[in-house]
Amino acid sequence: MDISFSQLDKISSEIKEHHKHVQIALLNDKYHVKIAVNDELYPWHIHPNSDEILIVLEGKIRVEFEDEISHTLEVHDSLYIPKGTRHQTLPIGRAVNLVIEDIDTETVFDEK
C-alpha cells in the first residue's frame, strides 16, 4: 500500500508560475487530484472528455460560462463543471484550488 501525505499550504506557497498544476494524488488510476495556483485569467476552454471539480483552498476565483452565468468561489466553495462546458476562470488576486478530473483530460482553448 502506497500512502501519500501532502502539505497543501507548502506545495502551493512554492508555486510561482501563473497557471501551475501539481498532482498530489491519483485516484483509482483514473482521476487526478491537483493543486492549481492561478493569478491571472485562464482563457475560454472546454474539457471534451472529462468533468471537473474545483475546490477553493485560498483566495477567490470567478468561473464564467458562455451563457453569461458566473460563480465567484471563496475558500471552501466547490464547483462541478460537466464535460464539454465552455468556461474561463479569473482569479481575484492569487487563488489556490484543488482540481479533480480524469487522468486523460483534454483542454481545448478557443477565442469565440
PDB file of N, CA and C in Angstrom:
ATOM      1  N   MET A   1       0.845  -1.172   0.000  1.00  0.00           N
ATOM      2  CA  MET A   1       0.000   0.000   0.000  1.00  0.00           C
ATOM      3  C   MET A   1       0.892   1.238   0.000  1.00  0.00           C
ATOM      4  N   ASP A   2       0.640   2.160  -0.943  1.00  0.00           N
ATOM      5  CA  ASP A   2       1.370   3.421  -1.014  1.00  0.00           C
ATOM      6  C   ASP A   2       0.500   4.528  -0.450  1.00  0.00           C
ATOM      7  N   ILE A   3       0.849   4.986   0.739  1.00  0.00           N
ATOM      8  CA  ILE A   3       0.128   6.087   1.364  1.00  0.00           C
ATOM      9  C   ILE A   3       0.899   7.361   1.076  1.00  0.00           C
ATOM     10  N   SER A   4       0.186   8.405   0.690  1.00  0.00           N
ATOM     11  CA  SER A   4       0.818   9.661   0.314  1.00  0.00           C
ATOM     12  C   SER A   4       0.339  10.778   1.228  1.00  0.00           C
ATOM     13  N   PHE A   5       1.278  11.549   1.747  1.00  0.00           N
ATOM     14  CA  PHE A   5       0.978  12.683   2.614  1.00  0.00           C
ATOM     15  C   PHE A   5       1.398  13.950   1.893  1.00  0.00           C
ATOM     16  N   SER A   6       0.543  14.973   1.889  1.00  0.00           N
ATOM     17  CA  SER A   6       0.864  16.242   1.234  1.00  0.00           C
ATOM     18  C   SER A   6       0.573  17.398   2.175  1.00  0.00           C
ATOM     19  N   GLN A   7       1.447  18.369   2.182  1.00  0.00           N
ATOM     20  CA  GLN A   7       1.221  19.617   2.900  1.00  0.00           C
ATOM     21  C   GLN A   7       0.808  20.652   1.858  1.00  0.00           C
ATOM     22  N   LEU A   8      -0.486  20.835   1.713  1.00  0.00           N
ATOM     23  CA  LEU A   8      -1.028  21.648   0.628  1.00  0.00           C
ATOM     24  C   LEU A   8      -0.560  23.097   0.695  1.00  0.00           C
ATOM     25  N   ASP A   9      -0.487  23.672   1.888  1.00  0.00           N
ATOM     26  CA  ASP A   9      -0.002  25.053   2.012  1.00  0.00           C
ATOM     27  C   ASP A   9       1.440  25.174   1.532  1.00  0.00           C
ATOM     28  N   LYS A  10       2.258  24.204   1.886  1.00  0.00           N
ATOM     29  CA  LYS A  10       3.669  24.246   1.480  1.00  0.00           C
ATOM     30  C   LYS A  10       3.795  24.104  -0.040  1.00  0.00           C
ATOM     31  N   ILE A  11       3.067  23.168  -0.609  1.00  0.00           N
ATOM     32  CA  ILE A  11       3.118  22.974  -2.064  1.00  0.00           C
ATOM     33  C   ILE A  11       2.681  24.241  -2.776  1.00  0.00           C
ATOM     34  N   SER A  12       1.554  24.810  -2.365  1.00  0.00           N
ATOM     35  CA  SER A  12       1.049  25.995  -3.067  1.00  0.00           C
ATOM     36  C   SER A  12       1.953  27.204  -2.877  1.00  0.00           C
ATOM     37  N   SER A  13       2.596  27.345  -1.724  1.00  0.00           N
ATOM     38  CA  SER A  13       3.465  28.508  -1.490  1.00  0.00           C
ATOM     39  C   SER A  13       4.731  28.452  -2.347  1.00  0.00           C
ATOM     40  N   GLU A  14       5.118  27.275  -2.789  1.00  0.00           N
ATOM     41  CA  GLU A  14       6.317  27.126  -3.616  1.00  0.00           C
ATOM     42  C   GLU A  14       6.037  27.331  -5.110  1.00  0.00           C
ATOM     43  N   ILE A  15       4.779  27.429  -5.485  1.00  0.00           N
ATOM     44  CA  ILE A  15       4.418  27.585  -6.896  1.00  0.00           C
ATOM     45  C   ILE A  15       4.441  29.063  -7.255  1.00  0.00           C
ATOM     46  N   LYS A  16       5.240  29.419  -8.249  1.00  0.00           N
ATOM     47  CA  LYS A  16       5.370  30.816  -8.667  1.00  0.00           C
ATOM     48  C   LYS A  16       4.818  31.070 -10.066  1.00  0.00           C
ATOM     49  N   GLU A  17       4.577  30.023 -10.865  1.00  0.00           N
ATOM     50  CA  GLU A  17       4.055  30.185 -12.220  1.00  0.00           C
ATOM     51  C   GLU A  17       2.603  30.649 -12.172  1.00  0.00           C
ATOM     52  N   HIS A  18       2.133  31.277 -13.271  1.00  0.00           N
ATOM     53  CA  HIS A  18       0.780  31.838 -13.316  1.00  0.00           C
ATOM     54  C   HIS A  18      -0.318  30.779 -13.275  1.00  0.00           C
ATOM     55  N   HIS A  19      -0.128  29.658 -13.964  1.00  0.00           N
ATOM     56  CA  HIS A  19      -1.163  28.616 -14.047  1.00  0.00           C
ATOM     57  C   HIS A  19      -0.534  27.253 -13.825  1.00  0.00           C
ATOM     58  N   LYS A  20       0.001  27.035 -12.672  1.00  0.00           N
ATOM     59  CA  LYS A  20       0.699  25.790 -12.389  1.00  0.00           C
ATOM     60  C   LYS A  20      -0.240  24.808 -11.706  1.00  0.00           C
ATOM     61  N   HIS A  21      -0.221  23.561 -12.180  1.00  0.00           N
ATOM     62  CA  HIS A  21      -0.981  22.475 -11.561  1.00  0.00           C
ATOM     63  C   HIS A  21       0.023  21.428 -11.084  1.00  0.00           C
ATOM     64  N   VAL A  22      -0.131  20.964  -9.857  1.00  0.00           N
ATOM     65  CA  VAL A  22       0.744  19.939  -9.286  1.00  0.00           C
ATOM     66  C   VAL A  22      -0.128  18.790  -8.815  1.00  0.00           C
ATOM     67  N   GLN A  23       0.118  17.611  -9.340  1.00  0.00           N
ATOM     68  CA  GLN A  23      -0.656  16.440  -8.922  1.00  0.00           C
ATOM     69  C   GLN A  23      -0.261  16.036  -7.512  1.00  0.00           C
ATOM     70  N   ILE A  24      -1.275  15.832  -6.654  1.00  0.00           N
ATOM     71  CA  ILE A  24      -0.991  15.369  -5.295  1.00  0.00           C
ATOM     72  C   ILE A  24      -1.484  13.952  -5.068  1.00  0.00           C
ATOM     73  N   ALA A  25      -2.367  13.484  -5.959  1.00  0.00           N
ATOM     74  CA  ALA A  25      -2.866  12.114  -5.823  1.00  0.00           C
ATOM     75  C   ALA A  25      -3.446  11.637  -7.146  1.00  0.00           C
ATOM     76  N   LEU A  26      -3.462  10.323  -7.279  1.00  0.00           N
ATOM     77  CA  LEU A  26      -4.106   9.664  -8.411  1.00  0.00           C
ATOM     78  C   LEU A  26      -5.089   8.666  -7.817  1.00  0.00           C
ATOM     79  N   LEU A  27      -6.377   8.857  -8.108  1.00  0.00           N
ATOM     80  CA  LEU A  27      -7.418   8.004  -7.539  1.00  0.00           C
ATOM     81  C   LEU A  27      -7.804   6.913  -8.520  1.00  0.00           C
ATOM     82  N   ASN A  28      -7.749   5.663  -8.067  1.00  0.00           N
ATOM     83  CA  ASN A  28      -8.188   4.510  -8.865  1.00  0.00           C
ATOM     84  C   ASN A  28      -7.540   4.459 -10.249  1.00  0.00           C
ATOM     85  N   ASP A  29      -6.328   4.984 -10.355  1.00  0.00           N
ATOM     86  CA  ASP A  29      -5.617   5.039 -11.645  1.00  0.00           C
ATOM     87  C   ASP A  29      -6.439   5.735 -12.722  1.00  0.00           C
ATOM     88  N   LYS A  30      -7.349   6.591 -12.331  1.00  0.00           N
ATOM     89  CA  LYS A  30      -8.277   7.211 -13.281  1.00  0.00           C
ATOM     90  C   LYS A  30      -8.421   8.720 -13.106  1.00  0.00           C
ATOM     91  N   TYR A  31      -8.318   9.240 -11.872  1.00  0.00           N
ATOM     92  CA  TYR A  31      -8.591  10.649 -11.615  1.00  0.00           C
ATOM     93  C   TYR A  31      -7.398  11.344 -10.968  1.00  0.00           C
ATOM     94  N   HIS A  32      -7.046  12.495 -11.524  1.00  0.00           N
ATOM     95  CA  HIS A  32      -6.039  13.360 -10.918  1.00  0.00           C
ATOM     96  C   HIS A  32      -6.682  14.175  -9.808  1.00  0.00           C
ATOM     97  N   VAL A  33      -5.942  14.369  -8.743  1.00  0.00           N
ATOM     98  CA  VAL A  33      -6.257  15.393  -7.756  1.00  0.00           C
ATOM     99  C   VAL A  33      -5.045  16.315  -7.782  1.00  0.00           C
ATOM    100  N   LYS A  34      -5.289  17.573  -8.148  1.00  0.00           N
ATOM    101  CA  LYS A  34      -4.182  18.502  -8.334  1.00  0.00           C
ATOM    102  C   LYS A  34      -4.428  19.790  -7.557  1.00  0.00           C
ATOM    103  N   ILE A  35      -3.322  20.411  -7.172  1.00  0.00           N
ATOM    104  CA  ILE A  35      -3.379  21.781  -6.666  1.00  0.00           C
ATOM    105  C   ILE A  35      -3.127  22.678  -7.859  1.00  0.00           C
ATOM    106  N   ALA A  36      -3.990  23.665  -8.037  1.00  0.00           N
ATOM    107  CA  ALA A  36      -3.826  24.639  -9.117  1.00  0.00           C
ATOM    108  C   ALA A  36      -3.663  26.020  -8.490  1.00  0.00           C
ATOM    109  N   VAL A  37      -2.630  26.712  -8.911  1.00  0.00           N
ATOM    110  CA  VAL A  37      -2.406  28.077  -8.462  1.00  0.00           C
ATOM    111  C   VAL A  37      -2.586  28.977  -9.677  1.00  0.00           C
ATOM    112  N   ASN A  38      -3.448  29.963  -9.536  1.00  0.00           N
ATOM    113  CA  ASN A  38      -3.732  30.886 -10.634  1.00  0.00           C
ATOM    114  C   ASN A  38      -3.672  32.314 -10.119  1.00  0.00           C
ATOM    115  N   ASP A  39      -3.059  33.195 -10.917  1.00  0.00           N
ATOM    116  CA  ASP A  39      -3.082  34.607 -10.560  1.00  0.00           C
ATOM    117  C   ASP A  39      -3.398  35.500 -11.761  1.00  0.00           C
ATOM    118  N   GLU A  40      -3.841  34.877 -12.854  1.00  0.00           N
ATOM    119  CA  GLU A  40      -4.318  35.651 -13.998  1.00  0.00           C
ATOM    120  C   GLU A  40      -5.348  34.831 -14.770  1.00  0.00           C
ATOM    121  N   LEU A  41      -6.050  35.490 -15.660  1.00  0.00           N
ATOM    122  CA  LEU A  41      -7.115  34.862 -16.423  1.00  0.00           C
ATOM    123  C   LEU A  41      -6.647  33.580 -17.105  1.00  0.00           C
ATOM    124  N   TYR A  42      -7.455  32.528 -16.986  1.00  0.00           N
ATOM    125  CA  TYR A  42      -7.252  31.295 -17.747  1.00  0.00           C
ATOM    126  C   TYR A  42      -8.337  31.315 -18.810  1.00  0.00           C
ATOM    127  N   PRO A  43      -7.960  31.415 -20.094  1.00  0.00           N
ATOM    128  CA  PRO A  43      -8.927  31.750 -21.151  1.00  0.00           C
ATOM    129  C   PRO A  43      -9.983  30.684 -21.414  1.00  0.00           C
ATOM    130  N   TRP A  44     -10.954  31.066 -22.252  1.00  0.00           N
ATOM    131  CA  TRP A  44     -12.065  30.189 -22.613  1.00  0.00           C
ATOM    132  C   TRP A  44     -11.565  28.845 -23.095  1.00  0.00           C
ATOM    133  N   HIS A  45     -12.182  27.789 -22.558  1.00  0.00           N
ATOM    134  CA  HIS A  45     -11.775  26.437 -22.929  1.00  0.00           C
ATOM    135  C   HIS A  45     -12.876  25.446 -22.564  1.00  0.00           C
ATOM    136  N   ILE A  46     -12.721  24.244 -23.060  1.00  0.00           N
ATOM    137  CA  ILE A  46     -13.586  23.131 -22.674  1.00  0.00           C
ATOM    138  C   ILE A  46     -12.711  21.924 -22.377  1.00  0.00           C
ATOM    139  N   HIS A  47     -13.278  20.992 -21.645  1.00  0.00           N
ATOM    140  CA  HIS A  47     -12.690  19.673 -21.429  1.00  0.00           C
ATOM    141  C   HIS A  47     -13.682  18.694 -22.061  1.00  0.00           C
ATOM    142  N   PRO A  48     -13.453  18.299 -23.316  1.00  0.00           N
ATOM    143  CA  PRO A  48     -14.456  17.496 -24.017  1.00  0.00           C
ATOM    144  C   PRO A  48     -14.648  16.097 -23.462  1.00  0.00           C
ATOM    145  N   ASN A  49     -13.679  15.605 -22.683  1.00  0.00           N
ATOM    146  CA  ASN A  49     -13.747  14.217 -22.243  1.00  0.00           C
ATOM    147  C   ASN A  49     -13.747  14.042 -20.723  1.00  0.00           C
ATOM    148  N   SER A  50     -13.927  15.123 -19.966  1.00  0.00           N
ATOM    149  CA  SER A  50     -13.884  14.966 -18.512  1.00  0.00           C
ATOM    150  C   SER A  50     -14.680  16.045 -17.802  1.00  0.00           C
ATOM    151  N   ASP A  51     -15.413  15.624 -16.777  1.00  0.00           N
ATOM    152  CA  ASP A  51     -15.983  16.567 -15.825  1.00  0.00           C
ATOM    153  C   ASP A  51     -14.828  17.147 -15.020  1.00  0.00           C
ATOM    154  N   GLU A  52     -15.106  18.227 -14.301  1.00  0.00           N
ATOM    155  CA  GLU A  52     -14.080  18.875 -13.490  1.00  0.00           C
ATOM    156  C   GLU A  52     -14.728  19.359 -12.205  1.00  0.00           C
ATOM    157  N   ILE A  53     -14.014  19.207 -11.097  1.00  0.00           N
ATOM    158  CA  ILE A  53     -14.462  19.753  -9.822  1.00  0.00           C
ATOM    159  C   ILE A  53     -13.373  20.694  -9.316  1.00  0.00           C
ATOM    160  N   LEU A  54     -13.773  21.896  -8.943  1.00  0.00           N
ATOM    161  CA  LEU A  54     -12.865  22.878  -8.343  1.00  0.00           C
ATOM    162  C   LEU A  54     -13.264  23.071  -6.888  1.00  0.00           C
ATOM    163  N   ILE A  55     -12.275  23.072  -5.994  1.00  0.00           N
ATOM    164  CA  ILE A  55     -12.494  23.332  -4.573  1.00  0.00           C
ATOM    165  C   ILE A  55     -11.477  24.392  -4.156  1.00  0.00           C
ATOM    166  N   VAL A  56     -11.945  25.546  -3.730  1.00  0.00           N
ATOM    167  CA  VAL A  56     -11.060  26.658  -3.404  1.00  0.00           C
ATOM    168  C   VAL A  56     -10.442  26.459  -2.024  1.00  0.00           C
ATOM    169  N   LEU A  57      -9.114  26.569  -1.979  1.00  0.00           N
ATOM    170  CA  LEU A  57      -8.370  26.454  -0.726  1.00  0.00           C
ATOM    171  C   LEU A  57      -7.910  27.807  -0.203  1.00  0.00           C
ATOM    172  N   GLU A  58      -7.679  28.745  -1.145  1.00  0.00           N
ATOM    173  CA  GLU A  58      -7.147  30.057  -0.778  1.00  0.00           C
ATOM    174  C   GLU A  58      -7.591  31.067  -1.832  1.00  0.00           C
ATOM    175  N   GLY A  59      -7.979  32.252  -1.391  1.00  0.00           N
ATOM    176  CA  GLY A  59      -8.343  33.318  -2.316  1.00  0.00           C
ATOM    177  C   GLY A  59      -9.752  33.167  -2.857  1.00  0.00           C
ATOM    178  N   LYS A  60      -9.975  33.818  -3.993  1.00  0.00           N
ATOM    179  CA  LYS A  60     -11.269  33.770  -4.679  1.00  0.00           C
ATOM    180  C   LYS A  60     -11.018  33.572  -6.162  1.00  0.00           C
ATOM    181  N   ILE A  61     -11.959  32.907  -6.810  1.00  0.00           N
ATOM    182  CA  ILE A  61     -11.864  32.717  -8.257  1.00  0.00           C
ATOM    183  C   ILE A  61     -13.266  32.804  -8.856  1.00  0.00           C
ATOM    184  N   ARG A  62     -13.353  33.519  -9.969  1.00  0.00           N
ATOM    185  CA  ARG A  62     -14.633  33.607 -10.670  1.00  0.00           C
ATOM    186  C   ARG A  62     -14.579  32.685 -11.878  1.00  0.00           C
ATOM    187  N   VAL A  63     -15.593  31.867 -12.021  1.00  0.00           N
ATOM    188  CA  VAL A  63     -15.703  30.968 -13.164  1.00  0.00           C
ATOM    189  C   VAL A  63     -16.861  31.479 -14.007  1.00  0.00           C
ATOM    190  N   GLU A  64     -16.561  31.791 -15.270  1.00  0.00           N
ATOM    191  CA  GLU A  64     -17.564  32.331 -16.175  1.00  0.00           C
ATOM    192  C   GLU A  64     -17.914  31.289 -17.227  1.00  0.00           C
ATOM    193  N   PHE A  65     -19.190  31.282 -17.597  1.00  0.00           N
ATOM    194  CA  PHE A  65     -19.692  30.344 -18.600  1.00  0.00           C
ATOM    195  C   PHE A  65     -20.239  31.129 -19.785  1.00  0.00           C
ATOM    196  N   GLU A  66     -20.328  30.466 -20.951  1.00  0.00           N
ATOM    197  CA  GLU A  66     -20.709  31.169 -22.165  1.00  0.00           C
ATOM    198  C   GLU A  66     -22.125  31.719 -22.135  1.00  0.00           C
ATOM    199  N   ASP A  67     -22.984  31.224 -21.262  1.00  0.00           N
ATOM    200  CA  ASP A  67     -24.347  31.750 -21.184  1.00  0.00           C
ATOM    201  C   ASP A  67     -24.437  32.949 -20.240  1.00  0.00           C
ATOM    202  N   GLU A  68     -23.277  33.542 -19.930  1.00  0.00           N
ATOM    203  CA  GLU A  68     -23.146  34.745 -19.101  1.00  0.00           C
ATOM    204  C   GLU A  68     -23.413  34.504 -17.621  1.00  0.00           C
ATOM    205  N   ILE A  69     -23.556  33.264 -17.227  1.00  0.00           N
ATOM    206  CA  ILE A  69     -23.647  32.933 -15.808  1.00  0.00           C
ATOM    207  C   ILE A  69     -22.221  32.844 -15.273  1.00  0.00           C
ATOM    208  N   SER A  70     -22.021  33.306 -14.061  1.00  0.00           N
ATOM    209  CA  SER A  70     -20.713  33.158 -13.433  1.00  0.00           C
ATOM    210  C   SER A  70     -20.914  32.820 -11.958  1.00  0.00           C
ATOM    211  N   HIS A  71     -19.886  32.217 -11.396  1.00  0.00           N
ATOM    212  CA  HIS A  71     -19.882  31.882  -9.975  1.00  0.00           C
ATOM    213  C   HIS A  71     -18.574  32.391  -9.390  1.00  0.00           C
ATOM    214  N   THR A  72     -18.657  33.114  -8.298  1.00  0.00           N
ATOM    215  CA  THR A  72     -17.462  33.520  -7.576  1.00  0.00           C
ATOM    216  C   THR A  72     -17.307  32.583  -6.395  1.00  0.00           C
ATOM    217  N   LEU A  73     -16.194  31.862  -6.404  1.00  0.00           N
ATOM    218  CA  LEU A  73     -15.935  30.865  -5.368  1.00  0.00           C
ATOM    219  C   LEU A  73     -14.954  31.418  -4.348  1.00  0.00           C
ATOM    220  N   GLU A  74     -15.268  31.189  -3.093  1.00  0.00           N
ATOM    221  CA  GLU A  74     -14.389  31.581  -1.999  1.00  0.00           C
ATOM    222  C   GLU A  74     -13.883  30.327  -1.305  1.00  0.00           C
ATOM    223  N   VAL A  75     -13.048  30.511  -0.312  1.00  0.00           N
ATOM    224  CA  VAL A  75     -12.455  29.378   0.407  1.00  0.00           C
ATOM    225  C   VAL A  75     -13.544  28.412   0.866  1.00  0.00           C
ATOM    226  N   HIS A  76     -13.324  27.142   0.591  1.00  0.00           N
ATOM    227  CA  HIS A  76     -14.185  26.008   0.919  1.00  0.00           C
ATOM    228  C   HIS A  76     -15.379  25.848  -0.010  1.00  0.00           C
ATOM    229  N   ASP A  77     -15.505  26.716  -1.023  1.00  0.00           N
ATOM    230  CA  ASP A  77     -16.545  26.537  -2.029  1.00  0.00           C
ATOM    231  C   ASP A  77     -16.068  25.535  -3.070  1.00  0.00           C
ATOM    232  N   SER A  78     -17.017  24.840  -3.682  1.00  0.00           N
ATOM    233  CA  SER A  78     -16.681  23.921  -4.767  1.00  0.00           C
ATOM    234  C   SER A  78     -17.628  24.160  -5.931  1.00  0.00           C
ATOM    235  N   LEU A  79     -17.189  23.742  -7.104  1.00  0.00           N
ATOM    236  CA  LEU A  79     -17.992  23.883  -8.305  1.00  0.00           C
ATOM    237  C   LEU A  79     -17.755  22.675  -9.193  1.00  0.00           C
ATOM    238  N   TYR A  80     -18.835  22.056  -9.627  1.00  0.00           N
ATOM    239  CA  TYR A  80     -18.783  20.935 -10.567  1.00  0.00           C
ATOM    240  C   TYR A  80     -19.052  21.489 -11.960  1.00  0.00           C
ATOM    241  N   ILE A  81     -18.159  21.171 -12.910  1.00  0.00           N
ATOM    242  CA  ILE A  81     -18.302  21.621 -14.291  1.00  0.00           C
ATOM    243  C   ILE A  81     -18.394  20.375 -15.172  1.00  0.00           C
ATOM    244  N   PRO A  82     -19.547  20.141 -15.805  1.00  0.00           N
ATOM    245  CA  PRO A  82     -19.703  18.952 -16.656  1.00  0.00           C
ATOM    246  C   PRO A  82     -18.793  19.019 -17.880  1.00  0.00           C
ATOM    247  N   LYS A  83     -18.370  17.857 -18.353  1.00  0.00           N
ATOM    248  CA  LYS A  83     -17.524  17.813 -19.544  1.00  0.00           C
ATOM    249  C   LYS A  83     -18.213  18.529 -20.701  1.00  0.00           C
ATOM    250  N   GLY A  84     -17.392  19.173 -21.524  1.00  0.00           N
ATOM    251  CA  GLY A  84     -17.911  19.883 -22.679  1.00  0.00           C
ATOM    252  C   GLY A  84     -18.473  21.268 -22.385  1.00  0.00           C
ATOM    253  N   THR A  85     -18.397  21.715 -21.144  1.00  0.00           N
ATOM    254  CA  THR A  85     -18.922  23.031 -20.769  1.00  0.00           C
ATOM    255  C   THR A  85     -17.846  24.090 -20.974  1.00  0.00           C
ATOM    256  N   ARG A  86     -18.136  25.059 -21.844  1.00  0.00           N
ATOM    257  CA  ARG A  86     -17.181  26.128 -22.135  1.00  0.00           C
ATOM    258  C   ARG A  86     -17.128  27.090 -20.946  1.00  0.00           C
ATOM    259  N   HIS A  87     -15.909  27.389 -20.477  1.00  0.00           N
ATOM    260  CA  HIS A  87     -15.737  28.256 -19.316  1.00  0.00           C
ATOM    261  C   HIS A  87     -14.365  28.907 -19.313  1.00  0.00           C
ATOM    262  N   GLN A  88     -14.237  29.933 -18.480  1.00  0.00           N
ATOM    263  CA  GLN A  88     -12.939  30.538 -18.208  1.00  0.00           C
ATOM    264  C   GLN A  88     -12.888  30.865 -16.730  1.00  0.00           C
ATOM    265  N   THR A  89     -11.666  30.953 -16.203  1.00  0.00           N
ATOM    266  CA  THR A  89     -11.512  31.243 -14.782  1.00  0.00           C
ATOM    267  C   THR A  89     -10.697  32.515 -14.606  1.00  0.00           C
ATOM    268  N   LEU A  90     -11.138  33.318 -13.671  1.00  0.00           N
ATOM    269  CA  LEU A  90     -10.458  34.573 -13.377  1.00  0.00           C
ATOM    270  C   LEU A  90     -10.241  34.664 -11.869  1.00  0.00           C
ATOM    271  N   PRO A  91      -9.005  34.457 -11.434  1.00  0.00           N
ATOM    272  CA  PRO A  91      -8.739  34.595 -10.006  1.00  0.00           C
ATOM    273  C   PRO A  91      -8.834  36.059  -9.595  1.00  0.00           C
ATOM    274  N   ILE A  92      -9.267  36.271  -8.386  1.00  0.00           N
ATOM    275  CA  ILE A  92      -9.317  37.614  -7.819  1.00  0.00           C
ATOM    276  C   ILE A  92      -8.124  37.683  -6.876  1.00  0.00           C
ATOM    277  N   GLY A  93      -7.007  38.163  -7.408  1.00  0.00           N
ATOM    278  CA  GLY A  93      -5.731  38.057  -6.711  1.00  0.00           C
ATOM    279  C   GLY A  93      -5.145  36.680  -7.005  1.00  0.00           C
ATOM    280  N   ARG A  94      -4.518  36.083  -6.019  1.00  0.00           N
ATOM    281  CA  ARG A  94      -3.944  34.736  -6.161  1.00  0.00           C
ATOM    282  C   ARG A  94      -4.952  33.741  -5.597  1.00  0.00           C
ATOM    283  N   ALA A  95      -5.249  32.710  -6.382  1.00  0.00           N
ATOM    284  CA  ALA A  95      -6.200  31.695  -5.944  1.00  0.00           C
ATOM    285  C   ALA A  95      -5.544  30.320  -5.995  1.00  0.00           C
ATOM    286  N   VAL A  96      -5.832  29.523  -4.996  1.00  0.00           N
ATOM    287  CA  VAL A  96      -5.337  28.148  -4.927  1.00  0.00           C
ATOM    288  C   VAL A  96      -6.553  27.245  -4.806  1.00  0.00           C
ATOM    289  N   ASN A  97      -6.631  26.252  -5.681  1.00  0.00           N
ATOM    290  CA  ASN A  97      -7.755  25.329  -5.595  1.00  0.00           C
ATOM    291  C   ASN A  97      -7.324  23.911  -5.898  1.00  0.00           C
ATOM    292  N   LEU A  98      -8.141  22.976  -5.424  1.00  0.00           N
ATOM    293  CA  LEU A  98      -7.984  21.578  -5.804  1.00  0.00           C
ATOM    294  C   LEU A  98      -8.778  21.371  -7.084  1.00  0.00           C
ATOM    295  N   VAL A  99      -8.216  20.607  -7.990  1.00  0.00           N
ATOM    296  CA  VAL A  99      -8.887  20.244  -9.232  1.00  0.00           C
ATOM    297  C   VAL A  99      -8.950  18.728  -9.271  1.00  0.00           C
ATOM    298  N   ILE A 100     -10.127  18.197  -9.524  1.00  0.00           N
ATOM    299  CA  ILE A 100     -10.298  16.756  -9.681  1.00  0.00           C
ATOM    300  C   ILE A 100     -10.857  16.530 -11.068  1.00  0.00           C
ATOM    301  N   GLU A 101     -10.146  15.718 -11.849  1.00  0.00           N
ATOM    302  CA  GLU A 101     -10.557  15.457 -13.232  1.00  0.00           C
ATOM    303  C   GLU A 101      -9.948  14.149 -13.701  1.00  0.00           C
ATOM    304  N   ASP A 102     -10.445  13.669 -14.818  1.00  0.00           N
ATOM    305  CA  ASP A 102      -9.956  12.431 -15.416  1.00  0.00           C
ATOM    306  C   ASP A 102      -8.470  12.553 -15.751  1.00  0.00           C
ATOM    307  N   ILE A 103      -7.735  11.468 -15.609  1.00  0.00           N
ATOM    308  CA  ILE A 103      -6.297  11.473 -15.895  1.00  0.00           C
ATOM    309  C   ILE A 103      -6.004  11.836 -17.353  1.00  0.00           C
ATOM    310  N   ASP A 104      -6.927  11.532 -18.259  1.00  0.00           N
ATOM    311  CA  ASP A 104      -6.726  11.814 -19.683  1.00  0.00           C
ATOM    312  C   ASP A 104      -7.444  13.086 -20.135  1.00  0.00           C
ATOM    313  N   THR A 105      -7.662  13.997 -19.226  1.00  0.00           N
ATOM    314  CA  THR A 105      -8.392  15.225 -19.556  1.00  0.00           C
ATOM    315  C   THR A 105      -7.693  15.995 -20.664  1.00  0.00           C
ATOM    316  N   GLU A 106      -8.488  16.371 -21.652  1.00  0.00           N
ATOM    317  CA  GLU A 106      -8.011  17.255 -22.713  1.00  0.00           C
ATOM    318  C   GLU A 106      -8.534  18.655 -22.418  1.00  0.00           C
ATOM    319  N   THR A 107      -7.733  19.653 -22.745  1.00  0.00           N
ATOM    320  CA  THR A 107      -8.157  21.040 -22.654  1.00  0.00           C
ATOM    321  C   THR A 107      -8.081  21.641 -24.037  1.00  0.00           C
ATOM    322  N   VAL A 108      -9.212  22.139 -24.510  1.00  0.00           N
ATOM    323  CA  VAL A 108      -9.293  22.739 -25.839  1.00  0.00           C
ATOM    324  C   VAL A 108      -9.629  24.212 -25.658  1.00  0.00           C
ATOM    325  N   PHE A 109      -8.716  25.104 -26.093  1.00  0.00           N
ATOM    326  CA  PHE A 109      -8.912  26.543 -25.969  1.00  0.00           C
ATOM    327  C   PHE A 109      -9.602  27.087 -27.201  1.00  0.00           C
ATOM    328  N   ASP A 110     -10.387  28.159 -27.000  1.00  0.00           N
ATOM    329  CA  ASP A 110     -10.995  28.835 -28.147  1.00  0.00           C
ATOM    330  C   ASP A 110     -11.128  30.319 -27.829  1.00  0.00           C
ATOM    331  N   GLU A 111     -11.365  31.083 -28.850  1.00  0.00           N
ATOM    332  CA  GLU A 111     -11.433  32.535 -28.709  1.00  0.00           C
ATOM    333  C   GLU A 111     -12.797  33.080 -29.109  1.00  0.00           C
ATOM    334  N   LYS A 112     -13.848  32.282 -29.103  1.00  0.00           N
ATOM    335  CA  LYS A 112     -15.180  32.735 -29.547  1.00  0.00           C
ATOM    336  C   LYS A 112     -15.545  34.084 -29.013  1.00  0.00           C
TER     337      LYS A 112
END
